[in-house]
Amino acid sequence: MNIYEKDNNLILQNACDFDLVQTFECGQCFRWNKCSGGYIGVAFGRVLKITQEGEDIILHETSLDDWNRIWSHYFDMDRDYSEIKKTLSSDKIMQEAISFGGGIRILNQEPFECLISFIISASNNIPRIKKIIDSLCVNFGEKITYLGEDYYSFPTAERLSALSLEELGVIKAGFRDKYILGAAKCVKCGQLDLECLKRASLEYAKTELLKLNGVGNKVAECVLLFSLEKYSSFPIDVWIKRIMEHCYFDGEQTKDIIADFAAEKFGTLGGFAQQYLFYWARENKIGI
């Protein structure tokens, strides 16, 4: 891949294994929205418009410095996805899934934002999740102006922990309000150190996340995979359960059996396998 700057844009020439639609529409993130020619999103206090022309990726109105500090790691550009896909494709089902969604990259999201976002996602649908998160940011984040439009950063744990339930009610998250505030207070006071969990084992990190009210197995696994760099994590919701039963089992199985099967079959690549399977099956209505 060749990277160069042109007209205040950053061009990633021949960016292999990277498809914007597949990456932003596979269920791992909620703050990237379609715009003319691509997507606009907010991450780590920055707004970015990103478009694609073939295998060339264009990052609009950004710099090489921001690329090196934020976007390169965010888009997981130092990882060899070709090798991951080659390894997983020894399985015929995975081979088919990868042939459909081989441009997915797992985003390295900001841990606190990821935690709160997936707490909001529990028993919720994508449009409502995005609406609640947007309201959270508009009301309690910092305004950022980009390409003549106003956007908002994700609020900090300090900002959210200072709110009352009544104040947070403006985002209309319902019963999740108390979980959001509880998580924010745990992070703010240091009871939960998310950056420290990146260096911990998957088992320890998951145990710590599960101590939070409003965090169950699926939410914890998503936070582990999408922000804490635990790539063997294999989040199982109702959709993945049905997909796995359809593809690998003869009938209904418990989530524990599916989790054990995935751990043995996919090992350290479980998170990548989960994303390829989910996107392929959802888009083709396989097992659903």
C-alpha atoms as a PDB file:
ATOM      1  CA  MET A   1       0.000   0.000   0.000  1.00  0.00           C
ATOM      2  CA  ASN A   2       1.234   3.463  -0.916  1.00  0.00           C
ATOM      3  CA  ILE A   3       0.155   6.482   1.160  1.00  0.00           C
ATOM      4  CA  TYR A   4       0.337  10.061  -0.086  1.00  0.00           C
ATOM      5  CA  GLU A   5      -1.273  13.453   0.542  1.00  0.00           C
ATOM      6  CA  LYS A   6      -3.158  15.367  -2.158  1.00  0.00           C
ATOM      7  CA  ASP A   7      -5.395  18.460  -1.860  1.00  0.00           C
ATOM      8  CA  ASN A   8      -5.740  18.098   1.935  1.00  0.00           C
ATOM      9  CA  ASN A   9      -6.744  14.465   1.491  1.00  0.00           C
ATOM     10  CA  LEU A  10      -4.854  11.303   2.333  1.00  0.00           C
ATOM     11  CA  ILE A  11      -4.835   8.593  -0.328  1.00  0.00           C
ATOM     12  CA  LEU A  12      -4.313   4.933   0.554  1.00  0.00           C
ATOM     13  CA  GLN A  13      -3.376   3.473  -2.809  1.00  0.00           C
ATOM     14  CA  ASN A  14      -4.009  -0.261  -3.250  1.00  0.00           C
ATOM     15  CA  ALA A  15      -5.405  -0.753   0.241  1.00  0.00           C
ATOM     16  CA  CYS A  16      -5.948  -4.497   0.135  1.00  0.00           C
ATOM     17  CA  ASP A  17      -8.571  -6.357   2.174  1.00  0.00           C
ATOM     18  CA  PHE A  18     -10.513  -3.177   2.999  1.00  0.00           C
ATOM     19  CA  ASP A  19     -14.075  -2.532   1.896  1.00  0.00           C
ATOM     20  CA  LEU A  20     -15.876   0.400   3.498  1.00  0.00           C
ATOM     21  CA  VAL A  21     -19.408  -0.971   3.155  1.00  0.00           C
ATOM     22  CA  GLN A  22     -18.472  -4.342   4.610  1.00  0.00           C
ATOM     23  CA  THR A  23     -16.442  -2.809   7.440  1.00  0.00           C
ATOM     24  CA  PHE A  24     -19.034  -0.240   8.521  1.00  0.00           C
ATOM     25  CA  GLU A  25     -22.123  -2.393   7.950  1.00  0.00           C
ATOM     26  CA  CYS A  26     -21.096  -5.593   9.756  1.00  0.00           C
ATOM     27  CA  GLY A  27     -22.531  -4.578  13.135  1.00  0.00           C
ATOM     28  CA  GLN A  28     -19.327  -3.620  14.947  1.00  0.00           C
ATOM     29  CA  CYS A  29     -19.817   0.173  15.090  1.00  0.00           C
ATOM     30  CA  PHE A  30     -22.614   2.740  15.276  1.00  0.00           C
ATOM     31  CA  ARG A  31     -21.150   6.175  14.486  1.00  0.00           C
ATOM     32  CA  TRP A  32     -20.361   5.812  10.794  1.00  0.00           C
ATOM     33  CA  ASN A  33     -23.099   7.029   8.444  1.00  0.00           C
ATOM     34  CA  LYS A  34     -23.409   6.922   4.679  1.00  0.00           C
ATOM     35  CA  CYS A  35     -22.737  10.136   2.789  1.00  0.00           C
ATOM     36  CA  SER A  36     -22.124  11.012  -0.852  1.00  0.00           C
ATOM     37  CA  GLY A  37     -19.539   8.556  -2.091  1.00  0.00           C
ATOM     38  CA  GLY A  38     -18.714   7.013   1.247  1.00  0.00           C
ATOM     39  CA  TYR A  39     -19.082   7.423   5.021  1.00  0.00           C
ATOM     40  CA  ILE A  40     -18.608  10.071   7.694  1.00  0.00           C
ATOM     41  CA  GLY A  41     -17.809   9.039  11.245  1.00  0.00           C
ATOM     42  CA  VAL A  42     -16.456  10.273  14.564  1.00  0.00           C
ATOM     43  CA  ALA A  43     -13.765   8.464  16.530  1.00  0.00           C
ATOM     44  CA  PHE A  44     -11.199   9.518  19.138  1.00  0.00           C
ATOM     45  CA  GLY A  45     -12.379  13.138  18.961  1.00  0.00           C
ATOM     46  CA  ARG A  46     -11.900  13.379  15.196  1.00  0.00           C
ATOM     47  CA  VAL A  47     -14.391  13.491  12.332  1.00  0.00           C
ATOM     48  CA  LEU A  48     -13.529  11.786   9.065  1.00  0.00           C
ATOM     49  CA  LYS A  49     -15.121  11.472   5.654  1.00  0.00           C
ATOM     50  CA  ILE A  50     -13.802   8.373   3.936  1.00  0.00           C
ATOM     51  CA  THR A  51     -14.525   7.225   0.381  1.00  0.00           C
ATOM     52  CA  GLN A  52     -13.379   4.383  -1.847  1.00  0.00           C
ATOM     53  CA  GLU A  53     -12.471   4.106  -5.506  1.00  0.00           C
ATOM     54  CA  GLY A  54     -11.650   0.493  -6.295  1.00  0.00           C
ATOM     55  CA  GLU A  55      -8.827  -0.457  -3.928  1.00  0.00           C
ATOM     56  CA  ASP A  56      -7.937   3.178  -3.243  1.00  0.00           C
ATOM     57  CA  ILE A  57      -9.216   4.676   0.030  1.00  0.00           C
ATOM     58  CA  ILE A  58      -9.483   8.478   0.374  1.00  0.00           C
ATOM     59  CA  LEU A  59      -9.475  10.110   3.811  1.00  0.00           C
ATOM     60  CA  HIS A  60     -10.826  13.632   3.311  1.00  0.00           C
ATOM     61  CA  GLU A  61      -9.457  16.721   5.045  1.00  0.00           C
ATOM     62  CA  THR A  62      -7.023  14.815   7.211  1.00  0.00           C
ATOM     63  CA  SER A  63      -3.266  14.627   7.574  1.00  0.00           C
ATOM     64  CA  LEU A  64      -0.515  12.065   7.639  1.00  0.00           C
ATOM     65  CA  ASP A  65      -0.031  12.954  11.303  1.00  0.00           C
ATOM     66  CA  ASP A  66      -3.650  12.022  12.129  1.00  0.00           C
ATOM     67  CA  TRP A  67      -3.208   8.851  10.101  1.00  0.00           C
ATOM     68  CA  ASN A  68      -0.185   7.816  12.124  1.00  0.00           C
ATOM     69  CA  ARG A  69      -1.719   8.813  15.493  1.00  0.00           C
ATOM     70  CA  ILE A  70      -5.310   7.634  15.021  1.00  0.00           C
ATOM     71  CA  TRP A  71      -6.564   6.122  11.809  1.00  0.00           C
ATOM     72  CA  SER A  72      -3.884   3.559  10.998  1.00  0.00           C
ATOM     73  CA  HIS A  73      -4.480   1.675  14.249  1.00  0.00           C
ATOM     74  CA  TYR A  74      -8.217   2.377  14.227  1.00  0.00           C
ATOM     75  CA  PHE A  75      -8.566   0.655  10.854  1.00  0.00           C
ATOM     76  CA  ASP A  76      -6.166  -2.115  11.942  1.00  0.00           C
ATOM     77  CA  MET A  77      -3.871  -1.454   8.994  1.00  0.00           C
ATOM     78  CA  ASP A  78      -0.817  -3.212  10.422  1.00  0.00           C
ATOM     79  CA  ARG A  79      -2.523  -6.600  10.377  1.00  0.00           C
ATOM     80  CA  ASP A  80      -2.155  -9.086   7.490  1.00  0.00           C
ATOM     81  CA  TYR A  81      -5.780  -9.889   6.693  1.00  0.00           C
ATOM     82  CA  SER A  82      -4.778 -11.930   3.656  1.00  0.00           C
ATOM     83  CA  GLU A  83      -3.037 -14.397   5.963  1.00  0.00           C
ATOM     84  CA  ILE A  84      -6.042 -14.489   8.318  1.00  0.00           C
ATOM     85  CA  LYS A  85      -8.392 -15.245   5.427  1.00  0.00           C
ATOM     86  CA  LYS A  86      -6.051 -17.901   4.059  1.00  0.00           C
ATOM     87  CA  THR A  87      -5.962 -19.672   7.427  1.00  0.00           C
ATOM     88  CA  LEU A  88      -9.716 -19.535   8.003  1.00  0.00           C
ATOM     89  CA  SER A  89     -10.503 -20.586   4.420  1.00  0.00           C
ATOM     90  CA  SER A  90      -9.345 -24.138   5.130  1.00  0.00           C
ATOM     91  CA  ASP A  91     -12.953 -24.505   6.311  1.00  0.00           C
ATOM     92  CA  LYS A  92     -15.387 -24.601   3.349  1.00  0.00           C
ATOM     93  CA  ILE A  93     -18.080 -22.570   5.102  1.00  0.00           C
ATOM     94  CA  MET A  94     -15.598 -19.909   6.113  1.00  0.00           C
ATOM     95  CA  GLN A  95     -14.216 -19.884   2.591  1.00  0.00           C
ATOM     96  CA  GLU A  96     -17.645 -18.979   1.252  1.00  0.00           C
ATOM     97  CA  ALA A  97     -18.231 -16.363   3.950  1.00  0.00           C
ATOM     98  CA  ILE A  98     -14.855 -14.748   3.275  1.00  0.00           C
ATOM     99  CA  SER A  99     -15.429 -14.685  -0.465  1.00  0.00           C
ATOM    100  CA  PHE A 100     -18.530 -12.572   0.250  1.00  0.00           C
ATOM    101  CA  GLY A 101     -17.197 -10.235   2.968  1.00  0.00           C
ATOM    102  CA  GLY A 102     -13.435 -10.387   2.647  1.00  0.00           C
ATOM    103  CA  GLY A 103     -13.088  -6.613   2.951  1.00  0.00           C
ATOM    104  CA  ILE A 104     -14.119  -6.480   6.600  1.00  0.00           C
ATOM    105  CA  ARG A 105     -11.564  -5.031   8.993  1.00  0.00           C
ATOM    106  CA  ILE A 106     -12.083  -5.077  12.758  1.00  0.00           C
ATOM    107  CA  LEU A 107     -12.009  -1.523  14.074  1.00  0.00           C
ATOM    108  CA  ASN A 108      -9.957  -0.737  17.178  1.00  0.00           C
ATOM    109  CA  GLN A 109     -12.506   1.474  18.886  1.00  0.00           C
ATOM    110  CA  GLU A 110     -12.141   3.674  21.965  1.00  0.00           C
ATOM    111  CA  PRO A 111     -12.915   1.325  24.884  1.00  0.00           C
ATOM    112  CA  PHE A 112     -15.272   3.546  26.894  1.00  0.00           C
ATOM    113  CA  GLU A 113     -17.294   4.483  23.822  1.00  0.00           C
ATOM    114  CA  CYS A 114     -17.459   0.830  22.798  1.00  0.00           C
ATOM    115  CA  LEU A 115     -18.599  -0.242  26.272  1.00  0.00           C
ATOM    116  CA  ILE A 116     -21.410   2.316  26.489  1.00  0.00           C
ATOM    117  CA  SER A 117     -22.456   1.728  22.880  1.00  0.00           C
ATOM    118  CA  PHE A 118     -22.882  -2.004  23.380  1.00  0.00           C
ATOM    119  CA  ILE A 119     -24.697  -1.492  26.687  1.00  0.00           C
ATOM    120  CA  ILE A 120     -27.125   0.632  24.658  1.00  0.00           C
ATOM    121  CA  SER A 121     -27.280  -2.083  21.970  1.00  0.00           C
ATOM    122  CA  ALA A 122     -28.692  -4.763  24.294  1.00  0.00           C
ATOM    123  CA  SER A 123     -32.213  -5.791  23.226  1.00  0.00           C
ATOM    124  CA  ASN A 124     -32.255  -2.968  20.701  1.00  0.00           C
ATOM    125  CA  ASN A 125     -32.256  -2.475  16.919  1.00  0.00           C
ATOM    126  CA  ILE A 126     -29.612  -0.683  14.856  1.00  0.00           C
ATOM    127  CA  PRO A 127     -31.595   2.478  13.942  1.00  0.00           C
ATOM    128  CA  ARG A 128     -32.604   3.062  17.574  1.00  0.00           C
ATOM    129  CA  ILE A 129     -29.102   2.297  18.865  1.00  0.00           C
ATOM    130  CA  LYS A 130     -27.639   4.884  16.491  1.00  0.00           C
ATOM    131  CA  LYS A 131     -30.314   7.432  17.445  1.00  0.00           C
ATOM    132  CA  ILE A 132     -29.650   7.037  21.183  1.00  0.00           C
ATOM    133  CA  ILE A 133     -25.873   7.245  20.739  1.00  0.00           C
ATOM    134  CA  ASP A 134     -26.227  10.314  18.532  1.00  0.00           C
ATOM    135  CA  SER A 135     -28.395  11.989  21.172  1.00  0.00           C
ATOM    136  CA  LEU A 136     -25.865  11.086  23.862  1.00  0.00           C
ATOM    137  CA  CYS A 137     -23.096  12.765  21.881  1.00  0.00           C
ATOM    138  CA  VAL A 138     -25.094  15.856  20.876  1.00  0.00           C
ATOM    139  CA  ASN A 139     -26.182  16.487  24.452  1.00  0.00           C
ATOM    140  CA  PHE A 140     -23.002  15.633  26.338  1.00  0.00           C
ATOM    141  CA  GLY A 141     -20.107  15.521  23.854  1.00  0.00           C
ATOM    142  CA  GLU A 142     -17.901  18.310  22.510  1.00  0.00           C
ATOM    143  CA  LYS A 143     -18.796  20.032  19.240  1.00  0.00           C
ATOM    144  CA  ILE A 144     -16.442  19.465  16.299  1.00  0.00           C
ATOM    145  CA  THR A 145     -16.790  21.382  13.017  1.00  0.00           C
ATOM    146  CA  TYR A 146     -15.720  19.484   9.919  1.00  0.00           C
ATOM    147  CA  LEU A 147     -16.360  20.352   6.262  1.00  0.00           C
ATOM    148  CA  GLY A 148     -18.736  23.086   7.389  1.00  0.00           C
ATOM    149  CA  GLU A 149     -20.929  20.792   9.493  1.00  0.00           C
ATOM    150  CA  ASP A 150     -21.144  20.255  13.249  1.00  0.00           C
ATOM    151  CA  TYR A 151     -20.457  16.860  14.799  1.00  0.00           C
ATOM    152  CA  TYR A 152     -19.971  15.750  18.391  1.00  0.00           C
ATOM    153  CA  SER A 153     -17.397  13.663  20.191  1.00  0.00           C
ATOM    154  CA  PHE A 154     -18.404  10.773  22.419  1.00  0.00           C
ATOM    155  CA  PRO A 155     -18.740  12.063  26.012  1.00  0.00           C
ATOM    156  CA  THR A 156     -16.098  11.108  28.546  1.00  0.00           C
ATOM    157  CA  ALA A 157     -16.680   8.938  31.596  1.00  0.00           C
ATOM    158  CA  GLU A 158     -16.114  12.064  33.724  1.00  0.00           C
ATOM    159  CA  ARG A 159     -18.871  13.940  31.904  1.00  0.00           C
ATOM    160  CA  LEU A 160     -21.405  11.121  32.065  1.00  0.00           C
ATOM    161  CA  SER A 161     -20.674  10.154  35.655  1.00  0.00           C
ATOM    162  CA  ALA A 162     -21.603  13.662  36.792  1.00  0.00           C
ATOM    163  CA  LEU A 163     -25.134  13.363  35.373  1.00  0.00           C
ATOM    164  CA  SER A 164     -28.292  12.386  37.176  1.00  0.00           C
ATOM    165  CA  LEU A 165     -30.700   9.808  35.801  1.00  0.00           C
ATOM    166  CA  GLU A 166     -33.114  12.635  35.069  1.00  0.00           C
ATOM    167  CA  GLU A 167     -30.504  14.543  33.056  1.00  0.00           C
ATOM    168  CA  LEU A 168     -29.528  11.439  31.093  1.00  0.00           C
ATOM    169  CA  GLY A 169     -33.196  10.764  30.339  1.00  0.00           C
ATOM    170  CA  VAL A 170     -32.997  13.181  27.407  1.00  0.00           C
ATOM    171  CA  ILE A 171     -31.351  10.468  25.280  1.00  0.00           C
ATOM    172  CA  LYS A 172     -34.375   8.181  25.734  1.00  0.00           C
ATOM    173  CA  ALA A 173     -32.379   5.038  26.463  1.00  0.00           C
ATOM    174  CA  GLY A 174     -34.988   3.777  28.926  1.00  0.00           C
ATOM    175  CA  PHE A 175     -33.869   1.161  31.451  1.00  0.00           C
ATOM    176  CA  ARG A 176     -30.313   1.400  30.080  1.00  0.00           C
ATOM    177  CA  ASP A 177     -29.799   4.837  31.701  1.00  0.00           C
ATOM    178  CA  LYS A 178     -28.821   3.339  35.030  1.00  0.00           C
ATOM    179  CA  TYR A 179     -26.390   0.954  33.350  1.00  0.00           C
ATOM    180  CA  ILE A 180     -24.756   3.797  31.412  1.00  0.00           C
ATOM    181  CA  LEU A 181     -24.300   5.868  34.568  1.00  0.00           C
ATOM    182  CA  GLY A 182     -23.065   2.890  36.567  1.00  0.00           C
ATOM    183  CA  ALA A 183     -20.437   2.022  33.951  1.00  0.00           C
ATOM    184  CA  ALA A 184     -19.338   5.661  33.655  1.00  0.00           C
ATOM    185  CA  LYS A 185     -18.866   5.933  37.419  1.00  0.00           C
ATOM    186  CA  CYS A 186     -16.848   2.697  37.561  1.00  0.00           C
ATOM    187  CA  VAL A 187     -14.527   3.927  34.811  1.00  0.00           C
ATOM    188  CA  LYS A 188     -14.254   7.440  36.238  1.00  0.00           C
ATOM    189  CA  CYS A 189     -13.246   6.288  39.728  1.00  0.00           C
ATOM    190  CA  GLY A 190     -10.799   3.709  38.382  1.00  0.00           C
ATOM    191  CA  GLN A 191     -12.739   0.678  39.572  1.00  0.00           C
ATOM    192  CA  LEU A 192     -12.690  -0.449  35.937  1.00  0.00           C
ATOM    193  CA  ASP A 193      -9.469   0.393  34.046  1.00  0.00           C
ATOM    194  CA  LEU A 194     -10.256  -0.340  30.412  1.00  0.00           C
ATOM    195  CA  GLU A 195      -6.757   0.442  29.124  1.00  0.00           C
ATOM    196  CA  CYS A 196      -5.320  -1.974  31.687  1.00  0.00           C
ATOM    197  CA  LEU A 197      -7.672  -4.691  30.426  1.00  0.00           C
ATOM    198  CA  LYS A 198      -6.000  -4.520  27.018  1.00  0.00           C
ATOM    199  CA  ARG A 199      -2.904  -5.990  28.651  1.00  0.00           C
ATOM    200  CA  ALA A 200      -4.819  -8.543  30.718  1.00  0.00           C
ATOM    201  CA  SER A 201      -5.896 -12.030  29.685  1.00  0.00           C
ATOM    202  CA  LEU A 202      -9.207 -12.433  27.889  1.00  0.00           C
ATOM    203  CA  GLU A 203     -10.607 -14.376  30.828  1.00  0.00           C
ATOM    204  CA  TYR A 204      -9.687 -11.705  33.389  1.00  0.00           C
ATOM    205  CA  ALA A 205     -10.908  -8.842  31.172  1.00  0.00           C
ATOM    206  CA  LYS A 206     -14.231 -10.565  30.592  1.00  0.00           C
ATOM    207  CA  THR A 207     -14.695 -11.248  34.310  1.00  0.00           C
ATOM    208  CA  GLU A 208     -14.133  -7.560  35.067  1.00  0.00           C
ATOM    209  CA  LEU A 209     -16.599  -6.431  32.386  1.00  0.00           C
ATOM    210  CA  LEU A 210     -19.256  -8.852  33.624  1.00  0.00           C
ATOM    211  CA  LYS A 211     -19.170  -7.185  37.034  1.00  0.00           C
ATOM    212  CA  LEU A 212     -20.979  -4.204  35.497  1.00  0.00           C
ATOM    213  CA  ASN A 213     -24.760  -4.126  35.641  1.00  0.00           C
ATOM    214  CA  GLY A 214     -26.119  -4.231  32.099  1.00  0.00           C
ATOM    215  CA  VAL A 215     -23.165  -6.195  30.717  1.00  0.00           C
ATOM    216  CA  GLY A 216     -23.839  -9.804  29.807  1.00  0.00           C
ATOM    217  CA  ASN A 217     -21.771 -12.275  27.812  1.00  0.00           C
ATOM    218  CA  LYS A 218     -22.572 -10.837  24.389  1.00  0.00           C
ATOM    219  CA  VAL A 219     -21.875  -7.217  25.346  1.00  0.00           C
ATOM    220  CA  ALA A 220     -18.661  -8.222  27.107  1.00  0.00           C
ATOM    221  CA  GLU A 221     -17.450 -10.240  24.114  1.00  0.00           C
ATOM    222  CA  CYS A 222     -18.144  -7.309  21.761  1.00  0.00           C
ATOM    223  CA  VAL A 223     -16.182  -4.912  23.960  1.00  0.00           C
ATOM    224  CA  LEU A 224     -13.328  -7.421  24.163  1.00  0.00           C
ATOM    225  CA  LEU A 225     -13.205  -7.836  20.392  1.00  0.00           C
ATOM    226  CA  PHE A 226     -13.898  -4.325  19.134  1.00  0.00           C
ATOM    227  CA  SER A 227     -11.907  -2.265  21.627  1.00  0.00           C
ATOM    228  CA  LEU A 228      -9.718  -4.387  23.910  1.00  0.00           C
ATOM    229  CA  GLU A 229      -7.848  -6.278  21.166  1.00  0.00           C
ATOM    230  CA  LYS A 230      -9.002  -9.740  22.278  1.00  0.00           C
ATOM    231  CA  TYR A 231      -9.315 -11.198  18.797  1.00  0.00           C
ATOM    232  CA  SER A 232     -10.181 -14.727  19.889  1.00  0.00           C
ATOM    233  CA  SER A 233     -13.433 -13.381  21.339  1.00  0.00           C
ATOM    234  CA  PHE A 234     -16.490 -14.801  19.551  1.00  0.00           C
ATOM    235  CA  PRO A 235     -19.631 -12.771  20.429  1.00  0.00           C
ATOM    236  CA  ILE A 236     -22.780 -14.900  20.302  1.00  0.00           C
ATOM    237  CA  ASP A 237     -26.188 -13.275  19.971  1.00  0.00           C
ATOM    238  CA  VAL A 238     -29.393 -14.814  18.661  1.00  0.00           C
ATOM    239  CA  TRP A 239     -28.246 -14.323  15.046  1.00  0.00           C
ATOM    240  CA  ILE A 240     -24.828 -15.919  15.446  1.00  0.00           C
ATOM    241  CA  LYS A 241     -26.437 -18.766  17.394  1.00  0.00           C
ATOM    242  CA  ARG A 242     -28.794 -19.498  14.487  1.00  0.00           C
ATOM    243  CA  ILE A 243     -26.035 -19.108  11.906  1.00  0.00           C
ATOM    244  CA  MET A 244     -23.733 -21.514  13.748  1.00  0.00           C
ATOM    245  CA  GLU A 245     -26.540 -24.037  14.263  1.00  0.00           C
ATOM    246  CA  HIS A 246     -27.367 -23.867  10.556  1.00  0.00           C
ATOM    247  CA  CYS A 247     -23.772 -24.123   9.344  1.00  0.00           C
ATOM    248  CA  TYR A 248     -22.088 -26.418  11.861  1.00  0.00           C
ATOM    249  CA  PHE A 249     -24.715 -28.299  13.879  1.00  0.00           C
ATOM    250  CA  ASP A 250     -27.681 -30.532  13.250  1.00  0.00           C
ATOM    251  CA  GLY A 251     -30.266 -28.680  15.299  1.00  0.00           C
ATOM    252  CA  GLU A 252     -30.389 -26.303  18.237  1.00  0.00           C
ATOM    253  CA  GLN A 253     -27.437 -25.968  20.612  1.00  0.00           C
ATOM    254  CA  THR A 254     -26.710 -23.940  23.734  1.00  0.00           C
ATOM    255  CA  LYS A 255     -24.558 -20.828  23.493  1.00  0.00           C
ATOM    256  CA  ASP A 256     -21.959 -22.519  25.696  1.00  0.00           C
ATOM    257  CA  ILE A 257     -21.616 -25.429  23.271  1.00  0.00           C
ATOM    258  CA  ILE A 258     -21.326 -23.023  20.354  1.00  0.00           C
ATOM    259  CA  ALA A 259     -18.725 -20.947  22.204  1.00  0.00           C
ATOM    260  CA  ASP A 260     -16.628 -24.046  22.959  1.00  0.00           C
ATOM    261  CA  PHE A 261     -16.902 -25.188  19.345  1.00  0.00           C
ATOM    262  CA  ALA A 262     -15.851 -21.760  18.030  1.00  0.00           C
ATOM    263  CA  ALA A 263     -12.904 -21.582  20.435  1.00  0.00           C
ATOM    264  CA  GLU A 264     -11.626 -24.967  19.281  1.00  0.00           C
ATOM    265  CA  LYS A 265     -12.292 -24.391  15.582  1.00  0.00           C
ATOM    266  CA  PHE A 266     -11.174 -20.803  15.133  1.00  0.00           C
ATOM    267  CA  GLY A 267      -8.785 -20.298  18.061  1.00  0.00           C
ATOM    268  CA  THR A 268      -7.108 -16.898  18.121  1.00  0.00           C
ATOM    269  CA  LEU A 269      -8.965 -15.889  14.942  1.00  0.00           C
ATOM    270  CA  GLY A 270     -12.429 -16.293  16.458  1.00  0.00           C
ATOM    271  CA  GLY A 271     -13.356 -12.631  16.216  1.00  0.00           C
ATOM    272  CA  PHE A 272     -12.478 -12.417  12.539  1.00  0.00           C
ATOM    273  CA  ALA A 273     -14.431 -15.612  11.823  1.00  0.00           C
ATOM    274  CA  GLN A 274     -17.450 -14.227  13.677  1.00  0.00           C
ATOM    275  CA  GLN A 275     -17.487 -11.050  11.600  1.00  0.00           C
ATOM    276  CA  TYR A 276     -17.158 -12.864   8.264  1.00  0.00           C
ATOM    277  CA  LEU A 277     -19.898 -15.335   9.210  1.00  0.00           C
ATOM    278  CA  PHE A 278     -22.284 -12.709  10.540  1.00  0.00           C
ATOM    279  CA  TYR A 279     -22.026 -10.392   7.532  1.00  0.00           C
ATOM    280  CA  TRP A 280     -22.289 -13.213   4.982  1.00  0.00           C
ATOM    281  CA  ALA A 281     -25.230 -14.929   6.678  1.00  0.00           C
ATOM    282  CA  ARG A 282     -27.159 -11.732   7.417  1.00  0.00           C
ATOM    283  CA  GLU A 283     -26.810 -10.323   3.910  1.00  0.00           C
ATOM    284  CA  ASN A 284     -27.802 -13.648   2.320  1.00  0.00           C
ATOM    285  CA  LYS A 285     -30.415 -14.581   4.959  1.00  0.00           C
ATOM    286  CA  ILE A 286     -28.606 -17.818   5.739  1.00  0.00           C
ATOM    287  CA  GLY A 287     -29.923 -19.559   8.824  1.00  0.00           C
ATOM    288  CA  ILE A 288     -32.204 -16.599   9.575  1.00  0.00           C
END
